[in-house]
């Protein structure tokens, strides 16, 4: 009999897990002794906070991040193939959403392993929910290019797609590049285009705001430097 792969959400920030993780999810997480994680140190701290049943030094942690090779991912399935349940955790939020864990999930399906997604926070979906932008038609496009010229070109492409399809465009950036992205959006987009910033979601410093580009230009810029931030863009046609 094969084990079950549980997709386990974690907190986005450092606030108490009781505020964002359902009790049933915590109960299931506490039972597991084998985990595939994006960051071992972060996961050890999280599991200690929620009070797992097994001592931390007796728990099996396997690493899966952007540097993990395909052949190494196959090896991570061995406990599951031996009938042992495994938890998959991202460094923050939901595993397999803007996260390399999706590769493990894909192989698990091919091997006939049961995959169980558990409820928890996603900064991407929380920002979309709170944006007031189109939640019926949206696209998450991940990270934009690092090079300035390519990034500006991509911003204009996303704005055009939003205009043509009335589709909200969601994207993220490495926290230390937030300001560069924000400034490029203000320069490249139509003054009437709507932009939402979702910053440090579910924490005490949470900030969510939607304004037209021209309004962002005429207001005091928010503090998004080196903070977790989700950007939502939607061409305003009214």
C-alpha atoms as a PDB file:
ATOM      1  CA  UNK A   1       0.000   0.000   0.000  1.00  0.00           C
ATOM      2  CA  UNK A   2       1.301   3.425  -0.960  1.00  0.00           C
ATOM      3  CA  UNK A   3       1.613   6.360   1.420  1.00  0.00           C
ATOM      4  CA  UNK A   4      -0.245   9.649   1.082  1.00  0.00           C
ATOM      5  CA  UNK A   5       1.384  12.926   0.079  1.00  0.00           C
ATOM      6  CA  UNK A   6      -0.077  15.762   2.159  1.00  0.00           C
ATOM      7  CA  UNK A   7       0.347  19.296   0.808  1.00  0.00           C
ATOM      8  CA  UNK A   8       0.743  21.264   4.029  1.00  0.00           C
ATOM      9  CA  UNK A   9       0.332  25.052   4.229  1.00  0.00           C
ATOM     10  CA  UNK A  10       2.444  27.131   6.565  1.00  0.00           C
ATOM     11  CA  UNK A  11       2.250  30.696   7.796  1.00  0.00           C
ATOM     12  CA  UNK A  12       3.287  33.471   5.394  1.00  0.00           C
ATOM     13  CA  UNK A  13       4.833  35.713   8.027  1.00  0.00           C
ATOM     14  CA  UNK A  14       5.944  35.147  11.592  1.00  0.00           C
ATOM     15  CA  UNK A  15       2.579  35.643  13.237  1.00  0.00           C
ATOM     16  CA  UNK A  16       0.906  32.949  15.356  1.00  0.00           C
ATOM     17  CA  UNK A  17      -0.186  29.958  13.311  1.00  0.00           C
ATOM     18  CA  UNK A  18      -3.543  29.917  15.120  1.00  0.00           C
ATOM     19  CA  UNK A  19      -4.577  32.988  13.116  1.00  0.00           C
ATOM     20  CA  UNK A  20      -4.175  31.457   9.658  1.00  0.00           C
ATOM     21  CA  UNK A  21      -3.903  27.639   9.797  1.00  0.00           C
ATOM     22  CA  UNK A  22      -7.044  25.536  10.488  1.00  0.00           C
ATOM     23  CA  UNK A  23      -6.863  23.231  13.563  1.00  0.00           C
ATOM     24  CA  UNK A  24      -7.500  20.127  11.433  1.00  0.00           C
ATOM     25  CA  UNK A  25      -4.446  20.937   9.318  1.00  0.00           C
ATOM     26  CA  UNK A  26      -2.306  21.341  12.428  1.00  0.00           C
ATOM     27  CA  UNK A  27      -3.599  18.023  13.778  1.00  0.00           C
ATOM     28  CA  UNK A  28      -2.650  16.196  10.576  1.00  0.00           C
ATOM     29  CA  UNK A  29       0.775  17.856  10.422  1.00  0.00           C
ATOM     30  CA  UNK A  30       1.573  16.828  13.987  1.00  0.00           C
ATOM     31  CA  UNK A  31       1.115  13.164  13.081  1.00  0.00           C
ATOM     32  CA  UNK A  32       3.703  13.083  10.297  1.00  0.00           C
ATOM     33  CA  UNK A  33       7.327  12.042  10.695  1.00  0.00           C
ATOM     34  CA  UNK A  34       8.553  12.493   7.119  1.00  0.00           C
ATOM     35  CA  UNK A  35       8.659  15.815   5.275  1.00  0.00           C
ATOM     36  CA  UNK A  36       9.860  17.155   1.931  1.00  0.00           C
ATOM     37  CA  UNK A  37      10.555  20.861   2.403  1.00  0.00           C
ATOM     38  CA  UNK A  38      11.860  23.935   0.626  1.00  0.00           C
ATOM     39  CA  UNK A  39      13.904  25.061   3.642  1.00  0.00           C
ATOM     40  CA  UNK A  40      14.776  22.675   6.476  1.00  0.00           C
ATOM     41  CA  UNK A  41      15.622  25.304   9.088  1.00  0.00           C
ATOM     42  CA  UNK A  42      12.366  27.216   8.505  1.00  0.00           C
ATOM     43  CA  UNK A  43      10.349  24.004   8.659  1.00  0.00           C
ATOM     44  CA  UNK A  44      11.991  22.820  11.868  1.00  0.00           C
ATOM     45  CA  UNK A  45      11.076  26.100  13.549  1.00  0.00           C
ATOM     46  CA  UNK A  46       7.503  25.908  12.293  1.00  0.00           C
ATOM     47  CA  UNK A  47       6.994  22.314  13.417  1.00  0.00           C
ATOM     48  CA  UNK A  48       8.416  23.166  16.820  1.00  0.00           C
ATOM     49  CA  UNK A  49       5.925  26.020  17.171  1.00  0.00           C
ATOM     50  CA  UNK A  50       2.907  23.874  16.355  1.00  0.00           C
ATOM     51  CA  UNK A  51       4.046  21.058  18.664  1.00  0.00           C
ATOM     52  CA  UNK A  52       4.558  17.998  16.480  1.00  0.00           C
ATOM     53  CA  UNK A  53       4.238  14.668  18.288  1.00  0.00           C
ATOM     54  CA  UNK A  54       7.631  13.330  17.202  1.00  0.00           C
ATOM     55  CA  UNK A  55      10.795  15.004  18.569  1.00  0.00           C
ATOM     56  CA  UNK A  56      12.270  17.280  15.918  1.00  0.00           C
ATOM     57  CA  UNK A  57      15.604  15.449  15.885  1.00  0.00           C
ATOM     58  CA  UNK A  58      13.789  12.218  15.018  1.00  0.00           C
ATOM     59  CA  UNK A  59      11.882  13.639  12.049  1.00  0.00           C
ATOM     60  CA  UNK A  60      13.098  12.905   8.520  1.00  0.00           C
ATOM     61  CA  UNK A  61      13.575  16.042   6.399  1.00  0.00           C
ATOM     62  CA  UNK A  62      14.329  15.929   2.678  1.00  0.00           C
ATOM     63  CA  UNK A  63      15.131  19.078   0.720  1.00  0.00           C
ATOM     64  CA  UNK A  64      13.333  20.127  -2.466  1.00  0.00           C
ATOM     65  CA  UNK A  65      14.141  23.584  -3.799  1.00  0.00           C
ATOM     66  CA  UNK A  66      14.931  25.299  -7.092  1.00  0.00           C
ATOM     67  CA  UNK A  67      18.340  23.603  -7.221  1.00  0.00           C
ATOM     68  CA  UNK A  68      17.049  20.016  -6.809  1.00  0.00           C
ATOM     69  CA  UNK A  69      17.655  17.871  -9.892  1.00  0.00           C
ATOM     70  CA  UNK A  70      14.949  15.705 -11.446  1.00  0.00           C
ATOM     71  CA  UNK A  71      16.703  12.478 -10.510  1.00  0.00           C
ATOM     72  CA  UNK A  72      16.870  13.627  -6.891  1.00  0.00           C
ATOM     73  CA  UNK A  73      13.126  14.325  -6.842  1.00  0.00           C
ATOM     74  CA  UNK A  74      12.430  10.716  -7.824  1.00  0.00           C
ATOM     75  CA  UNK A  75      14.324   9.557  -4.716  1.00  0.00           C
ATOM     76  CA  UNK A  76      12.119  11.702  -2.491  1.00  0.00           C
ATOM     77  CA  UNK A  77       9.178   9.418  -3.314  1.00  0.00           C
ATOM     78  CA  UNK A  78      10.737   6.334  -1.701  1.00  0.00           C
ATOM     79  CA  UNK A  79       8.971   6.668   1.693  1.00  0.00           C
ATOM     80  CA  UNK A  80       5.650   7.080  -0.126  1.00  0.00           C
ATOM     81  CA  UNK A  81       6.329   4.001  -2.244  1.00  0.00           C
ATOM     82  CA  UNK A  82       7.086   2.129   0.997  1.00  0.00           C
ATOM     83  CA  UNK A  83       3.701   3.078   2.441  1.00  0.00           C
ATOM     84  CA  UNK A  84       4.800   6.028   4.604  1.00  0.00           C
ATOM     85  CA  UNK A  85       2.825   9.280   4.628  1.00  0.00           C
ATOM     86  CA  UNK A  86       4.828  12.402   3.737  1.00  0.00           C
ATOM     87  CA  UNK A  87       4.154  16.112   4.155  1.00  0.00           C
ATOM     88  CA  UNK A  88       5.237  18.628   1.505  1.00  0.00           C
ATOM     89  CA  UNK A  89       5.907  22.154   2.805  1.00  0.00           C
ATOM     90  CA  UNK A  90       6.902  25.388   1.119  1.00  0.00           C
ATOM     91  CA  UNK A  91       9.000  27.966   2.951  1.00  0.00           C
ATOM     92  CA  UNK A  92       5.833  30.043   3.314  1.00  0.00           C
ATOM     93  CA  UNK A  93       2.201  29.717   2.306  1.00  0.00           C
ATOM     94  CA  UNK A  94       0.939  26.931   0.054  1.00  0.00           C
ATOM     95  CA  UNK A  95       3.220  24.224  -1.355  1.00  0.00           C
ATOM     96  CA  UNK A  96       3.323  23.840  -5.150  1.00  0.00           C
ATOM     97  CA  UNK A  97       1.999  27.403  -5.691  1.00  0.00           C
ATOM     98  CA  UNK A  98       4.907  29.520  -6.957  1.00  0.00           C
ATOM     99  CA  UNK A  99       6.974  26.759  -5.398  1.00  0.00           C
ATOM    100  CA  UNK A 100       9.152  23.880  -6.742  1.00  0.00           C
ATOM    101  CA  UNK A 101       7.061  21.319  -4.854  1.00  0.00           C
ATOM    102  CA  UNK A 102       4.787  20.979  -7.878  1.00  0.00           C
ATOM    103  CA  UNK A 103       7.427  18.719  -9.450  1.00  0.00           C
ATOM    104  CA  UNK A 104       7.056  16.191  -6.644  1.00  0.00           C
ATOM    105  CA  UNK A 105       3.266  16.321  -6.891  1.00  0.00           C
ATOM    106  CA  UNK A 106       3.412  15.640 -10.635  1.00  0.00           C
ATOM    107  CA  UNK A 107       5.549  12.522 -10.156  1.00  0.00           C
ATOM    108  CA  UNK A 108       3.335  11.335  -7.293  1.00  0.00           C
ATOM    109  CA  UNK A 109       0.332  11.368  -9.607  1.00  0.00           C
ATOM    110  CA  UNK A 110       2.230   9.352 -12.202  1.00  0.00           C
ATOM    111  CA  UNK A 111       3.090   6.770  -9.559  1.00  0.00           C
ATOM    112  CA  UNK A 112      -0.504   6.463  -8.362  1.00  0.00           C
ATOM    113  CA  UNK A 113       0.204   8.109  -4.991  1.00  0.00           C
ATOM    114  CA  UNK A 114      -2.730   9.836  -3.308  1.00  0.00           C
ATOM    115  CA  UNK A 115      -2.263  13.606  -3.045  1.00  0.00           C
ATOM    116  CA  UNK A 116      -4.210  15.519  -0.385  1.00  0.00           C
ATOM    117  CA  UNK A 117      -4.155  19.353  -0.461  1.00  0.00           C
ATOM    118  CA  UNK A 118      -4.811  20.998   2.909  1.00  0.00           C
ATOM    119  CA  UNK A 119      -6.330  24.432   3.476  1.00  0.00           C
ATOM    120  CA  UNK A 120      -4.126  27.413   4.286  1.00  0.00           C
ATOM    121  CA  UNK A 121      -3.036  30.934   3.285  1.00  0.00           C
ATOM    122  CA  UNK A 122      -1.774  32.069  -0.112  1.00  0.00           C
ATOM    123  CA  UNK A 123      -0.573  35.650  -0.496  1.00  0.00           C
ATOM    124  CA  UNK A 124      -1.452  35.436  -4.194  1.00  0.00           C
ATOM    125  CA  UNK A 125      -5.100  34.565  -3.686  1.00  0.00           C
ATOM    126  CA  UNK A 126      -5.514  36.759  -0.613  1.00  0.00           C
ATOM    127  CA  UNK A 127      -4.309  39.753  -2.610  1.00  0.00           C
ATOM    128  CA  UNK A 128      -6.650  38.939  -5.496  1.00  0.00           C
ATOM    129  CA  UNK A 129      -9.575  38.548  -3.086  1.00  0.00           C
ATOM    130  CA  UNK A 130      -8.907  41.953  -1.546  1.00  0.00           C
ATOM    131  CA  UNK A 131      -8.036  43.786  -4.758  1.00  0.00           C
ATOM    132  CA  UNK A 132     -11.469  44.483  -6.175  1.00  0.00           C
ATOM    133  CA  UNK A 133     -10.065  43.499  -9.578  1.00  0.00           C
ATOM    134  CA  UNK A 134     -11.467  40.790 -11.849  1.00  0.00           C
ATOM    135  CA  UNK A 135     -11.516  37.528  -9.909  1.00  0.00           C
ATOM    136  CA  UNK A 136     -13.439  35.708 -12.650  1.00  0.00           C
ATOM    137  CA  UNK A 137     -10.577  35.871 -15.119  1.00  0.00           C
ATOM    138  CA  UNK A 138      -7.009  36.130 -13.842  1.00  0.00           C
ATOM    139  CA  UNK A 139      -3.506  34.845 -14.487  1.00  0.00           C
ATOM    140  CA  UNK A 140      -0.560  34.367 -12.150  1.00  0.00           C
ATOM    141  CA  UNK A 141       2.613  34.856 -14.181  1.00  0.00           C
ATOM    142  CA  UNK A 142       5.244  34.404 -11.472  1.00  0.00           C
ATOM    143  CA  UNK A 143       8.380  36.534 -11.574  1.00  0.00           C
ATOM    144  CA  UNK A 144       9.014  39.193 -14.196  1.00  0.00           C
ATOM    145  CA  UNK A 145      12.406  39.486 -15.968  1.00  0.00           C
ATOM    146  CA  UNK A 146      15.310  40.901 -13.975  1.00  0.00           C
ATOM    147  CA  UNK A 147      16.839  42.980 -16.773  1.00  0.00           C
ATOM    148  CA  UNK A 148      15.188  46.449 -16.865  1.00  0.00           C
ATOM    149  CA  UNK A 149      14.443  46.528 -20.614  1.00  0.00           C
ATOM    150  CA  UNK A 150      12.962  43.032 -20.581  1.00  0.00           C
ATOM    151  CA  UNK A 151      10.973  43.793 -17.428  1.00  0.00           C
ATOM    152  CA  UNK A 152       9.452  46.943 -18.947  1.00  0.00           C
ATOM    153  CA  UNK A 153       8.533  45.041 -22.105  1.00  0.00           C
ATOM    154  CA  UNK A 154       6.866  42.320 -20.030  1.00  0.00           C
ATOM    155  CA  UNK A 155       4.877  44.885 -18.028  1.00  0.00           C
ATOM    156  CA  UNK A 156       3.465  46.372 -21.229  1.00  0.00           C
ATOM    157  CA  UNK A 157       2.629  42.873 -22.521  1.00  0.00           C
ATOM    158  CA  UNK A 158       0.718  42.065 -19.339  1.00  0.00           C
ATOM    159  CA  UNK A 159      -1.169  45.353 -19.441  1.00  0.00           C
ATOM    160  CA  UNK A 160      -2.143  44.724 -23.066  1.00  0.00           C
ATOM    161  CA  UNK A 161      -3.305  41.209 -22.236  1.00  0.00           C
ATOM    162  CA  UNK A 162      -5.355  42.586 -19.373  1.00  0.00           C
ATOM    163  CA  UNK A 163      -6.945  45.103 -21.734  1.00  0.00           C
ATOM    164  CA  UNK A 164      -7.711  42.558 -24.447  1.00  0.00           C
ATOM    165  CA  UNK A 165      -9.081  39.833 -22.158  1.00  0.00           C
ATOM    166  CA  UNK A 166     -10.235  41.822 -19.116  1.00  0.00           C
ATOM    167  CA  UNK A 167      -7.887  39.563 -17.184  1.00  0.00           C
ATOM    168  CA  UNK A 168      -6.199  40.464 -13.903  1.00  0.00           C
ATOM    169  CA  UNK A 169      -2.445  39.865 -14.033  1.00  0.00           C
ATOM    170  CA  UNK A 170      -0.740  38.774 -10.802  1.00  0.00           C
ATOM    171  CA  UNK A 171       3.016  38.612 -10.299  1.00  0.00           C
ATOM    172  CA  UNK A 172       5.674  38.701  -7.608  1.00  0.00           C
ATOM    173  CA  UNK A 173       9.263  39.810  -7.215  1.00  0.00           C
ATOM    174  CA  UNK A 174      12.231  39.149  -4.970  1.00  0.00           C
ATOM    175  CA  UNK A 175      11.667  41.550  -2.032  1.00  0.00           C
ATOM    176  CA  UNK A 176      14.851  43.529  -2.650  1.00  0.00           C
ATOM    177  CA  UNK A 177      13.704  44.273  -6.242  1.00  0.00           C
ATOM    178  CA  UNK A 178      10.172  45.407  -5.339  1.00  0.00           C
ATOM    179  CA  UNK A 179      10.902  49.110  -5.686  1.00  0.00           C
ATOM    180  CA  UNK A 180      12.423  48.726  -9.155  1.00  0.00           C
ATOM    181  CA  UNK A 181       9.379  46.787 -10.334  1.00  0.00           C
ATOM    182  CA  UNK A 182       6.954  49.261  -8.781  1.00  0.00           C
ATOM    183  CA  UNK A 183       8.713  52.220 -10.401  1.00  0.00           C
ATOM    184  CA  UNK A 184       8.716  50.520 -13.812  1.00  0.00           C
ATOM    185  CA  UNK A 185       4.984  49.798 -13.538  1.00  0.00           C
ATOM    186  CA  UNK A 186       4.295  53.476 -12.840  1.00  0.00           C
ATOM    187  CA  UNK A 187       6.405  54.520 -15.844  1.00  0.00           C
ATOM    188  CA  UNK A 188       5.108  51.993 -18.372  1.00  0.00           C
ATOM    189  CA  UNK A 189       1.394  51.622 -17.628  1.00  0.00           C
ATOM    190  CA  UNK A 190      -1.601  53.685 -18.661  1.00  0.00           C
ATOM    191  CA  UNK A 191      -2.580  56.284 -16.012  1.00  0.00           C
ATOM    192  CA  UNK A 192      -6.033  54.652 -15.695  1.00  0.00           C
ATOM    193  CA  UNK A 193      -4.739  51.112 -15.201  1.00  0.00           C
ATOM    194  CA  UNK A 194      -5.437  49.687 -11.748  1.00  0.00           C
ATOM    195  CA  UNK A 195      -2.624  48.375  -9.573  1.00  0.00           C
ATOM    196  CA  UNK A 196      -3.016  46.493  -6.305  1.00  0.00           C
ATOM    197  CA  UNK A 197      -0.201  45.938  -3.810  1.00  0.00           C
ATOM    198  CA  UNK A 198      -0.572  43.164  -1.238  1.00  0.00           C
ATOM    199  CA  UNK A 199       2.261  43.460   1.283  1.00  0.00           C
ATOM    200  CA  UNK A 200       3.156  41.187   4.205  1.00  0.00           C
ATOM    201  CA  UNK A 201      -0.215  39.435   4.124  1.00  0.00           C
ATOM    202  CA  UNK A 202      -1.597  37.919   7.384  1.00  0.00           C
ATOM    203  CA  UNK A 203       0.958  39.802   9.497  1.00  0.00           C
ATOM    204  CA  UNK A 204       0.521  42.780  11.813  1.00  0.00           C
ATOM    205  CA  UNK A 205       2.077  45.025   9.133  1.00  0.00           C
ATOM    206  CA  UNK A 206      -0.298  43.869   6.370  1.00  0.00           C
ATOM    207  CA  UNK A 207      -0.968  46.442   3.653  1.00  0.00           C
ATOM    208  CA  UNK A 208      -3.430  46.061   0.752  1.00  0.00           C
ATOM    209  CA  UNK A 209      -4.376  48.921  -1.549  1.00  0.00           C
ATOM    210  CA  UNK A 210      -5.763  49.359  -5.077  1.00  0.00           C
ATOM    211  CA  UNK A 211      -5.307  52.609  -6.992  1.00  0.00           C
ATOM    212  CA  UNK A 212      -5.050  53.826 -10.555  1.00  0.00           C
ATOM    213  CA  UNK A 213      -1.491  54.362 -11.785  1.00  0.00           C
ATOM    214  CA  UNK A 214      -1.988  58.144 -11.792  1.00  0.00           C
ATOM    215  CA  UNK A 215      -3.150  57.958  -8.172  1.00  0.00           C
ATOM    216  CA  UNK A 216      -0.104  55.939  -7.142  1.00  0.00           C
ATOM    217  CA  UNK A 217       2.089  58.559  -8.797  1.00  0.00           C
ATOM    218  CA  UNK A 218       0.446  61.349  -6.805  1.00  0.00           C
ATOM    219  CA  UNK A 219       0.535  59.612  -3.430  1.00  0.00           C
ATOM    220  CA  UNK A 220       3.210  58.766  -0.904  1.00  0.00           C
ATOM    221  CA  UNK A 221       4.766  55.487  -2.029  1.00  0.00           C
ATOM    222  CA  UNK A 222       4.190  52.554   0.325  1.00  0.00           C
ATOM    223  CA  UNK A 223       7.070  50.851   2.099  1.00  0.00           C
ATOM    224  CA  UNK A 224       7.552  47.689   0.037  1.00  0.00           C
ATOM    225  CA  UNK A 225      11.335  47.493   0.072  1.00  0.00           C
ATOM    226  CA  UNK A 226      12.547  44.029   1.129  1.00  0.00           C
ATOM    227  CA  UNK A 227       8.997  42.944   1.994  1.00  0.00           C
ATOM    228  CA  UNK A 228       6.880  40.128   0.610  1.00  0.00           C
ATOM    229  CA  UNK A 229       4.631  41.726  -1.992  1.00  0.00           C
ATOM    230  CA  UNK A 230       2.109  40.608  -4.603  1.00  0.00           C
ATOM    231  CA  UNK A 231       1.281  42.872  -7.558  1.00  0.00           C
ATOM    232  CA  UNK A 232      -2.105  42.834  -9.339  1.00  0.00           C
ATOM    233  CA  UNK A 233      -2.603  44.710 -12.597  1.00  0.00           C
ATOM    234  CA  UNK A 234      -5.853  45.296 -14.478  1.00  0.00           C
ATOM    235  CA  UNK A 235      -6.487  47.665 -17.346  1.00  0.00           C
ATOM    236  CA  UNK A 236      -9.356  49.976 -16.416  1.00  0.00           C
ATOM    237  CA  UNK A 237     -11.801  50.412 -19.308  1.00  0.00           C
ATOM    238  CA  UNK A 238     -14.737  52.232 -17.648  1.00  0.00           C
END
